């Protein structure tokens, strides 16, 4: 059994999408280079797609926006199916409050970020969970979802089963739960820019942090 987990830091929201796309791309490239026999890889991808479809059919009538966003008749095919479950974790969700106090972030900023992240996750059939080790928020949910993804253990937390996007700092989107219509609900809160505009059109690093981010990215390349 295997699972891919990609984590990013919500205290620097301007770089979350770029980090996520970068590391998912790296994992995809690594798996493509493993030389796994086509028949084996196809079977693994079918297993991931089956779980994705099961969650889609099970969770449609239970999700936070079920009435507002009716589900399609069947789950879409995962465009970038890696052959293993993918869980994306936004760490330090408690730091979102500091961004609001120090940088003037509003609900629009968080809606804009969330819809970008969910679009990336949807392409990989990935789950998305915001967590805070400091407050403990969603840590049990993440643990529950990982055990379920790896071993098929029964889901014991409601959020891991039905999803929850009501609280901006406690987002839980199980793999297979999301779809473009549900993501589009966030568009109502995005007024300053268009939803598909680049992340940096609304989220940018403070001047003092831009050099730090650039240095970190250069160090990773080296």
N, C-alpha and C. Protein backbone atom coordinates (compact mmCIF):
# COMPACT_ATOMS: atom_id res chain seq x y z
N UNK A 1 0.84 -1.19 0.00
CA UNK A 1 0.00 0.00 0.00
C UNK A 1 0.87 1.24 0.00
N UNK A 2 0.42 2.26 -0.73
CA UNK A 2 1.20 3.49 -0.82
C UNK A 2 0.25 4.67 -0.93
N UNK A 3 0.78 5.84 -0.56
CA UNK A 3 0.01 7.07 -0.63
C UNK A 3 0.98 8.22 -0.81
N UNK A 4 0.60 9.20 -1.60
CA UNK A 4 1.41 10.40 -1.78
C UNK A 4 0.78 11.53 -0.98
N UNK A 5 1.59 12.17 -0.14
CA UNK A 5 1.11 13.33 0.61
C UNK A 5 1.98 14.52 0.27
N UNK A 6 1.34 15.61 -0.11
CA UNK A 6 2.05 16.85 -0.42
C UNK A 6 1.54 17.92 0.54
N UNK A 7 2.45 18.58 1.24
CA UNK A 7 2.08 19.59 2.22
C UNK A 7 2.61 20.96 1.81
N UNK A 8 1.84 21.98 2.12
CA UNK A 8 2.30 23.35 1.91
C UNK A 8 1.93 24.18 3.14
N UNK A 9 2.51 25.37 3.22
CA UNK A 9 2.41 26.22 4.41
C UNK A 9 1.43 27.36 4.16
N UNK A 10 0.30 27.36 4.87
CA UNK A 10 -0.71 28.38 4.68
C UNK A 10 -0.33 29.74 5.27
N UNK A 11 0.79 29.81 5.98
CA UNK A 11 1.24 31.12 6.46
C UNK A 11 1.85 31.93 5.32
N UNK A 12 2.11 31.28 4.18
CA UNK A 12 2.58 31.96 2.97
C UNK A 12 1.66 31.62 1.81
N UNK A 13 0.43 32.08 1.83
CA UNK A 13 -0.58 31.66 0.86
C UNK A 13 -0.24 31.97 -0.59
N UNK A 14 0.60 32.97 -0.81
CA UNK A 14 0.97 33.36 -2.17
C UNK A 14 1.76 32.28 -2.90
N UNK A 15 2.37 31.36 -2.16
CA UNK A 15 3.21 30.34 -2.80
C UNK A 15 2.59 28.94 -2.76
N UNK A 16 1.42 28.80 -2.16
CA UNK A 16 0.83 27.46 -1.96
C UNK A 16 0.56 26.73 -3.27
N UNK A 17 -0.05 27.42 -4.22
CA UNK A 17 -0.42 26.76 -5.48
C UNK A 17 0.84 26.37 -6.26
N UNK A 18 1.82 27.27 -6.31
CA UNK A 18 3.05 26.96 -7.03
C UNK A 18 3.77 25.78 -6.40
N UNK A 19 3.82 25.72 -5.07
CA UNK A 19 4.44 24.58 -4.40
C UNK A 19 3.70 23.29 -4.72
N UNK A 20 2.39 23.34 -4.65
CA UNK A 20 1.58 22.15 -4.90
C UNK A 20 1.80 21.64 -6.33
N UNK A 21 1.72 22.52 -7.30
CA UNK A 21 1.90 22.10 -8.69
C UNK A 21 3.30 21.57 -8.93
N UNK A 22 4.26 22.20 -8.30
CA UNK A 22 5.66 21.77 -8.48
C UNK A 22 5.88 20.36 -7.97
N UNK A 23 5.42 20.07 -6.75
CA UNK A 23 5.70 18.77 -6.16
C UNK A 23 4.82 17.66 -6.74
N UNK A 24 3.60 17.99 -7.11
CA UNK A 24 2.79 16.97 -7.80
C UNK A 24 3.40 16.64 -9.15
N UNK A 25 3.92 17.65 -9.82
CA UNK A 25 4.60 17.41 -11.09
C UNK A 25 5.83 16.55 -10.91
N UNK A 26 6.58 16.79 -9.83
CA UNK A 26 7.78 16.00 -9.55
C UNK A 26 7.43 14.54 -9.26
N UNK A 27 6.36 14.33 -8.50
CA UNK A 27 5.92 12.96 -8.20
C UNK A 27 5.47 12.26 -9.48
N UNK A 28 4.73 12.97 -10.29
CA UNK A 28 4.26 12.39 -11.55
C UNK A 28 5.44 11.99 -12.44
N UNK A 29 6.43 12.87 -12.52
CA UNK A 29 7.62 12.56 -13.33
C UNK A 29 8.37 11.36 -12.77
N UNK A 30 8.46 11.29 -11.44
CA UNK A 30 9.15 10.17 -10.80
C UNK A 30 8.45 8.85 -11.10
N UNK A 31 7.13 8.83 -10.98
CA UNK A 31 6.38 7.60 -11.23
C UNK A 31 6.51 7.19 -12.70
N UNK A 32 6.46 8.17 -13.59
CA UNK A 32 6.61 7.86 -15.02
C UNK A 32 7.97 7.25 -15.32
N UNK A 33 8.98 7.62 -14.52
CA UNK A 33 10.33 7.12 -14.76
C UNK A 33 10.67 5.82 -14.06
N UNK A 34 9.72 5.25 -13.31
CA UNK A 34 9.98 4.02 -12.58
C UNK A 34 10.00 2.78 -13.46
N UNK A 35 9.43 2.90 -14.63
CA UNK A 35 9.40 1.75 -15.52
C UNK A 35 8.44 0.66 -15.07
N UNK A 36 7.37 1.06 -14.40
CA UNK A 36 6.36 0.08 -13.97
C UNK A 36 5.69 -0.51 -15.20
N UNK A 37 5.52 -1.82 -15.20
CA UNK A 37 4.87 -2.47 -16.35
C UNK A 37 3.49 -1.89 -16.58
N UNK A 38 3.13 -1.62 -17.84
CA UNK A 38 1.84 -0.99 -18.15
C UNK A 38 0.65 -1.69 -17.50
N UNK A 39 0.63 -3.00 -17.52
CA UNK A 39 -0.50 -3.73 -16.93
C UNK A 39 -0.64 -3.48 -15.45
N UNK A 40 0.50 -3.42 -14.76
CA UNK A 40 0.49 -3.18 -13.31
C UNK A 40 0.02 -1.77 -13.02
N UNK A 41 0.57 -0.80 -13.74
CA UNK A 41 0.21 0.59 -13.52
C UNK A 41 -1.26 0.83 -13.87
N UNK A 42 -1.72 0.20 -14.91
CA UNK A 42 -3.13 0.35 -15.29
C UNK A 42 -4.05 -0.16 -14.19
N UNK A 43 -3.67 -1.27 -13.57
CA UNK A 43 -4.48 -1.83 -12.49
C UNK A 43 -4.51 -0.89 -11.29
N UNK A 44 -3.36 -0.30 -10.99
CA UNK A 44 -3.30 0.65 -9.87
C UNK A 44 -4.16 1.89 -10.15
N UNK A 45 -4.10 2.37 -11.37
CA UNK A 45 -4.91 3.53 -11.74
C UNK A 45 -6.39 3.21 -11.69
N UNK A 46 -6.75 2.01 -12.10
CA UNK A 46 -8.16 1.61 -12.03
C UNK A 46 -8.66 1.57 -10.59
N UNK A 47 -7.79 1.12 -9.68
CA UNK A 47 -8.15 1.08 -8.26
C UNK A 47 -8.39 2.49 -7.72
N UNK A 48 -7.51 3.43 -8.08
CA UNK A 48 -7.66 4.82 -7.64
C UNK A 48 -8.94 5.42 -8.22
N UNK A 49 -9.19 5.16 -9.49
CA UNK A 49 -10.38 5.70 -10.14
C UNK A 49 -11.65 5.12 -9.51
N UNK A 50 -11.60 3.85 -9.14
CA UNK A 50 -12.76 3.20 -8.51
C UNK A 50 -13.07 3.85 -7.16
N UNK A 51 -12.03 4.10 -6.36
CA UNK A 51 -12.24 4.75 -5.06
C UNK A 51 -12.79 6.17 -5.26
N UNK A 52 -12.26 6.85 -6.26
CA UNK A 52 -12.70 8.20 -6.57
C UNK A 52 -14.19 8.19 -6.92
N UNK A 53 -14.60 7.24 -7.73
CA UNK A 53 -16.00 7.15 -8.13
C UNK A 53 -16.90 6.76 -6.96
N UNK A 54 -16.40 5.89 -6.10
CA UNK A 54 -17.19 5.48 -4.93
C UNK A 54 -17.46 6.67 -4.01
N UNK A 55 -16.44 7.48 -3.78
CA UNK A 55 -16.63 8.67 -2.95
C UNK A 55 -17.59 9.65 -3.62
N UNK A 56 -17.47 9.77 -4.94
CA UNK A 56 -18.34 10.69 -5.67
C UNK A 56 -19.80 10.29 -5.51
N UNK A 57 -20.07 9.00 -5.65
CA UNK A 57 -21.46 8.54 -5.58
C UNK A 57 -21.98 8.54 -4.15
N UNK A 58 -21.11 8.31 -3.18
CA UNK A 58 -21.53 8.25 -1.79
C UNK A 58 -21.73 9.62 -1.17
N UNK A 59 -20.89 10.58 -1.56
CA UNK A 59 -20.90 11.85 -0.88
C UNK A 59 -21.74 12.93 -1.50
N UNK A 60 -22.30 12.70 -2.67
CA UNK A 60 -23.00 13.77 -3.37
C UNK A 60 -24.19 14.31 -2.60
N UNK A 61 -24.92 13.46 -1.94
CA UNK A 61 -26.11 13.92 -1.23
C UNK A 61 -25.82 14.35 0.20
N UNK A 62 -24.53 14.31 0.60
CA UNK A 62 -24.18 14.60 1.98
C UNK A 62 -23.32 15.84 2.16
N UNK A 63 -22.73 16.37 1.08
CA UNK A 63 -21.75 17.43 1.21
C UNK A 63 -22.35 18.74 1.66
N UNK A 64 -21.47 19.66 2.00
CA UNK A 64 -21.88 20.95 2.56
C UNK A 64 -22.74 21.75 1.60
N UNK A 65 -22.51 21.60 0.28
CA UNK A 65 -23.29 22.37 -0.68
C UNK A 65 -24.14 21.46 -1.54
N UNK A 66 -24.55 20.31 -1.03
CA UNK A 66 -25.26 19.33 -1.85
C UNK A 66 -26.48 19.92 -2.53
N UNK A 67 -27.23 20.77 -1.80
CA UNK A 67 -28.43 21.33 -2.40
C UNK A 67 -28.10 22.43 -3.40
N UNK A 68 -27.02 23.16 -3.13
CA UNK A 68 -26.67 24.27 -4.00
C UNK A 68 -25.98 23.82 -5.28
N UNK A 69 -25.32 22.67 -5.23
CA UNK A 69 -24.57 22.20 -6.39
C UNK A 69 -24.87 20.74 -6.66
N UNK A 70 -25.93 20.43 -7.41
CA UNK A 70 -26.25 19.05 -7.73
C UNK A 70 -25.09 18.37 -8.43
N UNK A 71 -24.94 17.09 -8.18
CA UNK A 71 -23.80 16.36 -8.71
C UNK A 71 -24.07 15.85 -10.11
N UNK A 72 -23.00 15.66 -10.90
CA UNK A 72 -23.16 15.01 -12.18
C UNK A 72 -23.54 13.55 -11.98
N UNK A 73 -24.00 12.91 -13.03
CA UNK A 73 -24.49 11.53 -12.92
C UNK A 73 -23.38 10.57 -12.55
N UNK A 74 -22.15 10.86 -12.98
CA UNK A 74 -21.06 9.95 -12.65
C UNK A 74 -19.77 10.74 -12.44
N UNK A 75 -18.84 10.10 -11.75
CA UNK A 75 -17.58 10.77 -11.47
C UNK A 75 -16.76 10.92 -12.75
N UNK A 76 -16.09 12.04 -12.88
CA UNK A 76 -15.23 12.27 -14.03
C UNK A 76 -13.97 11.42 -13.91
N UNK A 77 -13.35 11.18 -15.05
CA UNK A 77 -12.07 10.46 -15.05
C UNK A 77 -10.98 11.39 -14.52
N UNK A 78 -10.08 10.85 -13.72
CA UNK A 78 -8.98 11.65 -13.16
C UNK A 78 -7.96 11.92 -14.25
N UNK A 79 -7.72 13.17 -14.64
CA UNK A 79 -6.79 13.46 -15.73
C UNK A 79 -5.36 13.00 -15.46
N UNK A 80 -4.88 13.26 -14.24
CA UNK A 80 -3.50 12.89 -13.89
C UNK A 80 -3.54 11.84 -12.79
N UNK A 81 -3.94 10.66 -13.15
CA UNK A 81 -4.05 9.55 -12.20
C UNK A 81 -2.66 8.96 -11.98
N UNK A 82 -2.14 9.06 -10.76
CA UNK A 82 -0.79 8.58 -10.45
C UNK A 82 -0.74 7.09 -10.11
N UNK A 83 -1.89 6.50 -9.90
CA UNK A 83 -1.90 5.09 -9.52
C UNK A 83 -1.80 4.88 -8.02
N UNK A 84 -1.74 5.96 -7.26
CA UNK A 84 -1.76 5.91 -5.80
C UNK A 84 -2.64 7.06 -5.31
N UNK A 85 -3.27 6.91 -4.14
CA UNK A 85 -4.07 8.01 -3.60
C UNK A 85 -3.17 9.21 -3.29
N UNK A 86 -3.72 10.38 -3.45
CA UNK A 86 -2.98 11.62 -3.18
C UNK A 86 -3.75 12.43 -2.14
N UNK A 87 -3.04 12.87 -1.11
CA UNK A 87 -3.62 13.72 -0.08
C UNK A 87 -2.79 15.01 -0.02
N UNK A 88 -3.45 16.13 -0.18
CA UNK A 88 -2.80 17.44 -0.12
C UNK A 88 -3.15 18.09 1.21
N UNK A 89 -2.13 18.55 1.93
CA UNK A 89 -2.33 19.09 3.27
C UNK A 89 -1.86 20.53 3.35
N UNK A 90 -2.78 21.41 3.73
CA UNK A 90 -2.42 22.79 4.02
C UNK A 90 -2.11 22.92 5.50
N UNK A 91 -0.85 23.10 5.83
CA UNK A 91 -0.42 23.19 7.23
C UNK A 91 -0.52 24.63 7.74
N UNK A 92 -0.55 24.77 9.06
CA UNK A 92 -0.57 26.07 9.73
C UNK A 92 -1.80 26.90 9.36
N UNK A 93 -2.95 26.28 9.33
CA UNK A 93 -4.16 27.04 9.02
C UNK A 93 -4.44 28.12 10.07
N UNK A 94 -3.91 27.94 11.27
CA UNK A 94 -4.08 28.97 12.31
C UNK A 94 -3.39 30.28 11.93
N UNK A 95 -2.39 30.21 11.03
CA UNK A 95 -1.67 31.41 10.61
C UNK A 95 -2.47 32.28 9.65
N UNK A 96 -3.61 31.78 9.17
CA UNK A 96 -4.44 32.57 8.27
C UNK A 96 -4.93 33.84 8.95
N UNK A 97 -5.18 33.77 10.24
CA UNK A 97 -5.62 34.95 10.98
C UNK A 97 -4.55 36.04 10.98
N UNK A 98 -3.29 35.64 11.05
CA UNK A 98 -2.20 36.62 11.03
C UNK A 98 -2.13 37.32 9.68
N UNK A 99 -2.40 36.59 8.61
CA UNK A 99 -2.41 37.20 7.27
C UNK A 99 -3.50 38.26 7.18
N UNK A 100 -4.62 38.01 7.84
CA UNK A 100 -5.71 38.98 7.83
C UNK A 100 -5.33 40.23 8.63
N UNK A 101 -4.69 40.02 9.77
CA UNK A 101 -4.34 41.15 10.64
C UNK A 101 -3.18 41.97 10.08
N UNK A 102 -2.18 41.29 9.53
CA UNK A 102 -0.96 41.97 9.12
C UNK A 102 -0.96 42.41 7.66
N UNK A 103 -1.71 41.69 6.82
CA UNK A 103 -1.65 41.98 5.39
C UNK A 103 -3.01 42.32 4.78
N UNK A 104 -4.03 42.38 5.63
CA UNK A 104 -5.33 42.78 5.13
C UNK A 104 -6.07 41.75 4.31
N UNK A 105 -5.73 40.48 4.48
CA UNK A 105 -6.43 39.43 3.74
C UNK A 105 -7.91 39.40 4.15
N UNK A 106 -8.74 39.08 3.19
CA UNK A 106 -10.18 38.97 3.42
C UNK A 106 -10.68 37.61 2.94
N UNK A 107 -11.97 37.38 3.09
CA UNK A 107 -12.54 36.12 2.61
C UNK A 107 -12.30 35.94 1.12
N UNK A 108 -12.26 37.04 0.37
CA UNK A 108 -12.02 36.93 -1.06
C UNK A 108 -10.66 36.29 -1.35
N UNK A 109 -9.65 36.69 -0.60
CA UNK A 109 -8.31 36.11 -0.79
C UNK A 109 -8.35 34.60 -0.56
N UNK A 110 -9.02 34.19 0.52
CA UNK A 110 -9.04 32.77 0.85
C UNK A 110 -9.90 31.97 -0.13
N UNK A 111 -11.00 32.56 -0.59
CA UNK A 111 -11.83 31.88 -1.61
C UNK A 111 -11.05 31.72 -2.90
N UNK A 112 -10.32 32.76 -3.27
CA UNK A 112 -9.52 32.71 -4.50
C UNK A 112 -8.46 31.62 -4.41
N UNK A 113 -7.76 31.57 -3.27
CA UNK A 113 -6.75 30.53 -3.07
C UNK A 113 -7.39 29.14 -3.07
N UNK A 114 -8.48 28.99 -2.31
CA UNK A 114 -9.09 27.67 -2.19
C UNK A 114 -9.54 27.11 -3.53
N UNK A 115 -10.15 27.95 -4.37
CA UNK A 115 -10.64 27.42 -5.64
C UNK A 115 -9.48 27.03 -6.56
N UNK A 116 -8.37 27.77 -6.48
CA UNK A 116 -7.18 27.38 -7.25
C UNK A 116 -6.66 26.02 -6.77
N UNK A 117 -6.55 25.86 -5.46
CA UNK A 117 -6.04 24.61 -4.90
C UNK A 117 -6.96 23.44 -5.26
N UNK A 118 -8.25 23.64 -5.15
CA UNK A 118 -9.20 22.56 -5.43
C UNK A 118 -9.18 22.16 -6.90
N UNK A 119 -8.92 23.10 -7.79
CA UNK A 119 -8.81 22.77 -9.21
C UNK A 119 -7.61 21.88 -9.47
N UNK A 120 -6.49 22.20 -8.83
CA UNK A 120 -5.30 21.36 -8.98
C UNK A 120 -5.56 19.97 -8.41
N UNK A 121 -6.15 19.91 -7.22
CA UNK A 121 -6.43 18.63 -6.59
C UNK A 121 -7.38 17.79 -7.44
N UNK A 122 -8.36 18.43 -8.05
CA UNK A 122 -9.32 17.70 -8.87
C UNK A 122 -8.64 17.02 -10.05
N UNK A 123 -7.63 17.65 -10.60
CA UNK A 123 -6.92 17.05 -11.73
C UNK A 123 -6.18 15.78 -11.33
N UNK A 124 -5.81 15.68 -10.07
CA UNK A 124 -5.09 14.50 -9.58
C UNK A 124 -5.98 13.56 -8.76
N UNK A 125 -7.25 13.89 -8.64
CA UNK A 125 -8.14 13.08 -7.80
C UNK A 125 -7.74 13.13 -6.35
N UNK A 126 -7.12 14.23 -5.94
CA UNK A 126 -6.53 14.33 -4.60
C UNK A 126 -7.51 14.89 -3.58
N UNK A 127 -7.32 14.48 -2.34
CA UNK A 127 -8.02 15.08 -1.22
C UNK A 127 -7.28 16.35 -0.80
N UNK A 128 -8.01 17.28 -0.18
CA UNK A 128 -7.41 18.51 0.33
C UNK A 128 -7.87 18.72 1.76
N UNK A 129 -6.91 18.88 2.67
CA UNK A 129 -7.24 19.06 4.09
C UNK A 129 -6.39 20.19 4.66
N UNK A 130 -7.04 21.21 5.23
CA UNK A 130 -6.34 22.26 5.96
C UNK A 130 -6.20 21.80 7.41
N UNK A 131 -5.00 21.89 7.97
CA UNK A 131 -4.77 21.45 9.34
C UNK A 131 -3.99 22.50 10.14
N UNK A 132 -4.07 22.35 11.45
CA UNK A 132 -3.26 23.17 12.35
C UNK A 132 -2.74 22.28 13.47
N UNK A 133 -1.43 22.09 13.51
CA UNK A 133 -0.85 21.33 14.60
C UNK A 133 -0.98 22.08 15.93
N UNK A 134 -0.96 23.40 15.85
CA UNK A 134 -1.05 24.21 17.07
C UNK A 134 -2.40 24.05 17.76
N UNK A 135 -3.47 24.14 16.98
CA UNK A 135 -4.81 24.02 17.57
C UNK A 135 -5.34 22.59 17.52
N UNK A 136 -4.70 21.75 16.70
CA UNK A 136 -5.18 20.38 16.54
C UNK A 136 -6.32 20.25 15.55
N UNK A 137 -6.68 21.34 14.93
CA UNK A 137 -7.84 21.32 14.04
C UNK A 137 -7.58 20.45 12.81
N UNK A 138 -8.51 19.55 12.57
CA UNK A 138 -8.51 18.62 11.43
C UNK A 138 -7.39 17.58 11.47
N UNK A 139 -6.59 17.57 12.50
CA UNK A 139 -5.55 16.53 12.59
C UNK A 139 -6.19 15.14 12.70
N UNK A 140 -7.21 14.94 13.54
CA UNK A 140 -7.87 13.62 13.57
C UNK A 140 -8.53 13.27 12.24
N UNK A 141 -9.05 14.28 11.55
CA UNK A 141 -9.68 14.04 10.24
C UNK A 141 -8.65 13.54 9.24
N UNK A 142 -7.50 14.19 9.23
CA UNK A 142 -6.43 13.77 8.32
C UNK A 142 -5.97 12.36 8.64
N UNK A 143 -5.78 12.07 9.91
CA UNK A 143 -5.37 10.72 10.33
C UNK A 143 -6.40 9.68 9.88
N UNK A 144 -7.64 9.99 10.08
CA UNK A 144 -8.73 9.11 9.70
C UNK A 144 -8.73 8.86 8.19
N UNK A 145 -8.56 9.92 7.42
CA UNK A 145 -8.61 9.79 5.96
C UNK A 145 -7.41 9.02 5.42
N UNK A 146 -6.24 9.24 6.00
CA UNK A 146 -5.04 8.53 5.55
C UNK A 146 -5.18 7.03 5.81
N UNK A 147 -5.64 6.65 6.99
CA UNK A 147 -5.83 5.23 7.30
C UNK A 147 -6.85 4.60 6.36
N UNK A 148 -7.89 5.34 6.06
CA UNK A 148 -8.90 4.84 5.13
C UNK A 148 -8.31 4.65 3.73
N UNK A 149 -7.51 5.61 3.29
CA UNK A 149 -6.93 5.54 1.95
C UNK A 149 -5.91 4.41 1.82
N UNK A 150 -5.15 4.17 2.89
CA UNK A 150 -4.11 3.14 2.85
C UNK A 150 -4.66 1.74 3.09
N UNK A 151 -5.56 1.61 4.05
CA UNK A 151 -5.96 0.28 4.50
C UNK A 151 -7.45 -0.01 4.39
N UNK A 152 -8.21 0.96 3.90
CA UNK A 152 -9.65 0.75 3.79
C UNK A 152 -10.37 0.77 5.11
N UNK A 153 -9.75 1.35 6.13
CA UNK A 153 -10.40 1.44 7.44
C UNK A 153 -11.67 2.29 7.35
N UNK A 154 -12.70 1.96 8.13
CA UNK A 154 -13.93 2.77 8.09
C UNK A 154 -13.64 4.21 8.50
N UNK A 155 -14.27 5.14 7.81
CA UNK A 155 -14.13 6.55 8.17
C UNK A 155 -14.90 6.83 9.46
N UNK A 156 -14.24 7.46 10.41
CA UNK A 156 -14.85 7.68 11.73
C UNK A 156 -15.20 9.15 11.97
N UNK A 157 -14.73 10.03 11.11
CA UNK A 157 -15.04 11.46 11.26
C UNK A 157 -15.97 11.88 10.12
N UNK A 158 -16.94 12.70 10.45
CA UNK A 158 -17.93 13.12 9.45
C UNK A 158 -17.27 13.88 8.31
N UNK A 159 -16.30 14.74 8.64
CA UNK A 159 -15.68 15.56 7.60
C UNK A 159 -14.94 14.72 6.57
N UNK A 160 -14.29 13.66 7.01
CA UNK A 160 -13.54 12.81 6.09
C UNK A 160 -14.46 12.08 5.13
N UNK A 161 -15.70 11.91 5.52
CA UNK A 161 -16.66 11.20 4.69
C UNK A 161 -17.47 12.13 3.80
N UNK A 162 -17.92 13.26 4.36
CA UNK A 162 -18.85 14.12 3.63
C UNK A 162 -18.24 15.41 3.12
N UNK A 163 -17.01 15.73 3.55
CA UNK A 163 -16.40 16.98 3.15
C UNK A 163 -16.93 18.14 3.98
N UNK A 164 -16.13 19.21 4.06
CA UNK A 164 -16.55 20.41 4.79
C UNK A 164 -15.76 21.60 4.26
N UNK A 165 -16.46 22.57 3.70
CA UNK A 165 -15.80 23.78 3.21
C UNK A 165 -16.44 25.03 3.78
N UNK A 166 -17.14 24.87 4.88
CA UNK A 166 -17.84 26.00 5.50
C UNK A 166 -16.85 26.94 6.16
N UNK A 167 -15.90 26.41 6.92
CA UNK A 167 -14.90 27.23 7.61
C UNK A 167 -13.66 27.36 6.74
N UNK A 168 -13.27 28.58 6.46
CA UNK A 168 -12.16 28.82 5.53
C UNK A 168 -10.84 28.24 6.02
N UNK A 169 -10.68 28.06 7.35
CA UNK A 169 -9.43 27.55 7.89
C UNK A 169 -9.52 26.07 8.28
N UNK A 170 -10.59 25.41 7.86
CA UNK A 170 -10.76 23.99 8.20
C UNK A 170 -11.33 23.21 7.02
N UNK A 171 -10.83 23.51 5.84
CA UNK A 171 -11.34 22.89 4.62
C UNK A 171 -11.01 21.40 4.59
N UNK A 172 -12.01 20.59 4.22
CA UNK A 172 -11.80 19.15 4.02
C UNK A 172 -12.53 18.77 2.73
N UNK A 173 -11.77 18.34 1.74
CA UNK A 173 -12.34 17.91 0.46
C UNK A 173 -11.82 16.50 0.16
N UNK A 174 -12.59 15.47 0.48
CA UNK A 174 -12.14 14.11 0.17
C UNK A 174 -11.99 13.91 -1.33
N UNK A 175 -11.09 13.03 -1.72
CA UNK A 175 -10.93 12.71 -3.13
C UNK A 175 -12.22 12.13 -3.70
N UNK A 176 -12.72 12.71 -4.78
CA UNK A 176 -13.97 12.24 -5.38
C UNK A 176 -15.17 13.06 -4.97
N UNK A 177 -15.04 13.85 -3.91
CA UNK A 177 -16.16 14.66 -3.42
C UNK A 177 -16.40 15.90 -4.28
N UNK A 178 -15.32 16.44 -4.84
CA UNK A 178 -15.40 17.73 -5.50
C UNK A 178 -15.78 17.61 -6.97
N UNK A 179 -16.19 18.73 -7.54
CA UNK A 179 -16.45 18.84 -8.98
C UNK A 179 -16.46 20.31 -9.34
N UNK A 180 -16.41 20.66 -10.62
CA UNK A 180 -16.35 22.07 -11.02
C UNK A 180 -17.52 22.91 -10.50
N UNK A 181 -18.71 22.32 -10.42
CA UNK A 181 -19.86 23.09 -9.93
C UNK A 181 -19.70 23.48 -8.47
N UNK A 182 -19.17 22.58 -7.67
CA UNK A 182 -18.96 22.90 -6.25
C UNK A 182 -17.88 23.96 -6.10
N UNK A 183 -16.84 23.84 -6.89
CA UNK A 183 -15.77 24.84 -6.83
C UNK A 183 -16.31 26.21 -7.23
N UNK A 184 -17.20 26.23 -8.22
CA UNK A 184 -17.72 27.49 -8.75
C UNK A 184 -18.54 28.27 -7.72
N UNK A 185 -18.99 27.61 -6.67
CA UNK A 185 -19.72 28.32 -5.61
C UNK A 185 -18.84 29.41 -5.01
N UNK A 186 -17.53 29.18 -4.99
CA UNK A 186 -16.61 30.17 -4.43
C UNK A 186 -16.51 31.43 -5.29
N UNK A 187 -16.89 31.34 -6.54
CA UNK A 187 -16.75 32.48 -7.44
C UNK A 187 -17.57 33.68 -6.97
N UNK A 188 -18.66 33.42 -6.27
CA UNK A 188 -19.51 34.52 -5.81
C UNK A 188 -18.77 35.48 -4.89
N UNK A 189 -17.75 34.97 -4.20
CA UNK A 189 -17.01 35.80 -3.26
C UNK A 189 -15.77 36.44 -3.87
N UNK A 190 -15.53 36.19 -5.16
CA UNK A 190 -14.34 36.72 -5.82
C UNK A 190 -14.76 37.85 -6.75
N UNK A 191 -14.49 39.09 -6.34
CA UNK A 191 -14.96 40.26 -7.07
C UNK A 191 -13.83 41.06 -7.73
N UNK A 192 -12.66 41.06 -7.10
CA UNK A 192 -11.56 41.92 -7.55
C UNK A 192 -10.90 41.41 -8.81
N UNK A 193 -10.81 40.09 -8.93
CA UNK A 193 -10.17 39.45 -10.08
C UNK A 193 -11.09 38.36 -10.60
N UNK A 194 -10.73 37.78 -11.74
CA UNK A 194 -11.46 36.63 -12.27
C UNK A 194 -10.93 35.36 -11.61
N UNK A 195 -11.77 34.35 -11.40
CA UNK A 195 -11.31 33.13 -10.72
C UNK A 195 -10.10 32.46 -11.38
N UNK A 196 -10.02 32.52 -12.71
CA UNK A 196 -8.92 31.86 -13.40
C UNK A 196 -7.69 32.74 -13.57
N UNK A 197 -7.72 33.95 -13.03
CA UNK A 197 -6.53 34.80 -13.09
C UNK A 197 -5.39 34.16 -12.32
N UNK A 198 -4.15 34.46 -12.68
CA UNK A 198 -3.00 33.90 -11.95
C UNK A 198 -3.07 34.21 -10.46
N UNK A 199 -2.51 33.33 -9.66
CA UNK A 199 -2.53 33.49 -8.21
C UNK A 199 -1.95 34.84 -7.80
N UNK A 200 -0.87 35.23 -8.45
CA UNK A 200 -0.19 36.46 -8.05
C UNK A 200 -1.00 37.72 -8.36
N UNK A 201 -2.10 37.59 -9.11
CA UNK A 201 -2.93 38.76 -9.39
C UNK A 201 -3.64 39.26 -8.14
N UNK A 202 -3.80 38.40 -7.16
CA UNK A 202 -4.44 38.80 -5.90
C UNK A 202 -3.59 38.49 -4.67
N UNK A 203 -2.79 37.44 -4.75
CA UNK A 203 -1.96 37.02 -3.62
C UNK A 203 -0.49 37.25 -3.96
N UNK A 204 0.15 38.12 -3.24
CA UNK A 204 1.57 38.37 -3.48
C UNK A 204 2.31 38.43 -2.16
N UNK A 205 3.55 38.00 -2.18
CA UNK A 205 4.35 38.00 -0.97
C UNK A 205 4.69 39.42 -0.56
N UNK A 206 4.68 39.71 0.75
CA UNK A 206 5.15 41.03 1.22
C UNK A 206 6.59 41.23 0.75
N UNK A 207 7.00 42.46 0.50
CA UNK A 207 8.36 42.72 -0.01
C UNK A 207 9.45 42.02 0.78
N UNK A 208 9.33 41.99 2.09
CA UNK A 208 10.38 41.39 2.92
C UNK A 208 10.44 39.88 2.75
N UNK A 209 9.33 39.28 2.28
CA UNK A 209 9.29 37.84 2.15
C UNK A 209 9.66 37.36 0.75
N UNK A 210 9.60 38.25 -0.24
CA UNK A 210 9.83 37.81 -1.62
C UNK A 210 11.23 37.24 -1.81
N UNK A 211 12.25 37.90 -1.21
CA UNK A 211 13.60 37.40 -1.34
C UNK A 211 13.78 36.09 -0.61
N UNK A 212 13.12 35.94 0.53
CA UNK A 212 13.19 34.69 1.28
C UNK A 212 12.61 33.54 0.46
N UNK A 213 11.46 33.80 -0.17
CA UNK A 213 10.84 32.78 -1.01
C UNK A 213 11.73 32.42 -2.18
N UNK A 214 12.29 33.44 -2.82
CA UNK A 214 13.17 33.20 -3.97
C UNK A 214 14.39 32.37 -3.57
N UNK A 215 14.99 32.70 -2.41
CA UNK A 215 16.14 31.94 -1.94
C UNK A 215 15.78 30.49 -1.65
N UNK A 216 14.61 30.27 -1.06
CA UNK A 216 14.19 28.93 -0.74
C UNK A 216 13.97 28.10 -1.99
N UNK A 217 13.33 28.70 -3.01
CA UNK A 217 13.09 28.00 -4.26
C UNK A 217 14.41 27.66 -4.96
N UNK A 218 15.37 28.59 -4.90
CA UNK A 218 16.67 28.34 -5.52
C UNK A 218 17.41 27.24 -4.79
N UNK A 219 17.32 27.19 -3.47
CA UNK A 219 17.97 26.14 -2.70
C UNK A 219 17.40 24.77 -3.02
N UNK A 220 16.06 24.71 -3.23
CA UNK A 220 15.43 23.43 -3.59
C UNK A 220 15.92 22.95 -4.95
N UNK A 221 16.11 23.89 -5.89
CA UNK A 221 16.60 23.52 -7.23
C UNK A 221 18.00 22.96 -7.15
N UNK A 222 18.81 23.53 -6.26
CA UNK A 222 20.20 23.07 -6.15
C UNK A 222 20.31 21.74 -5.44
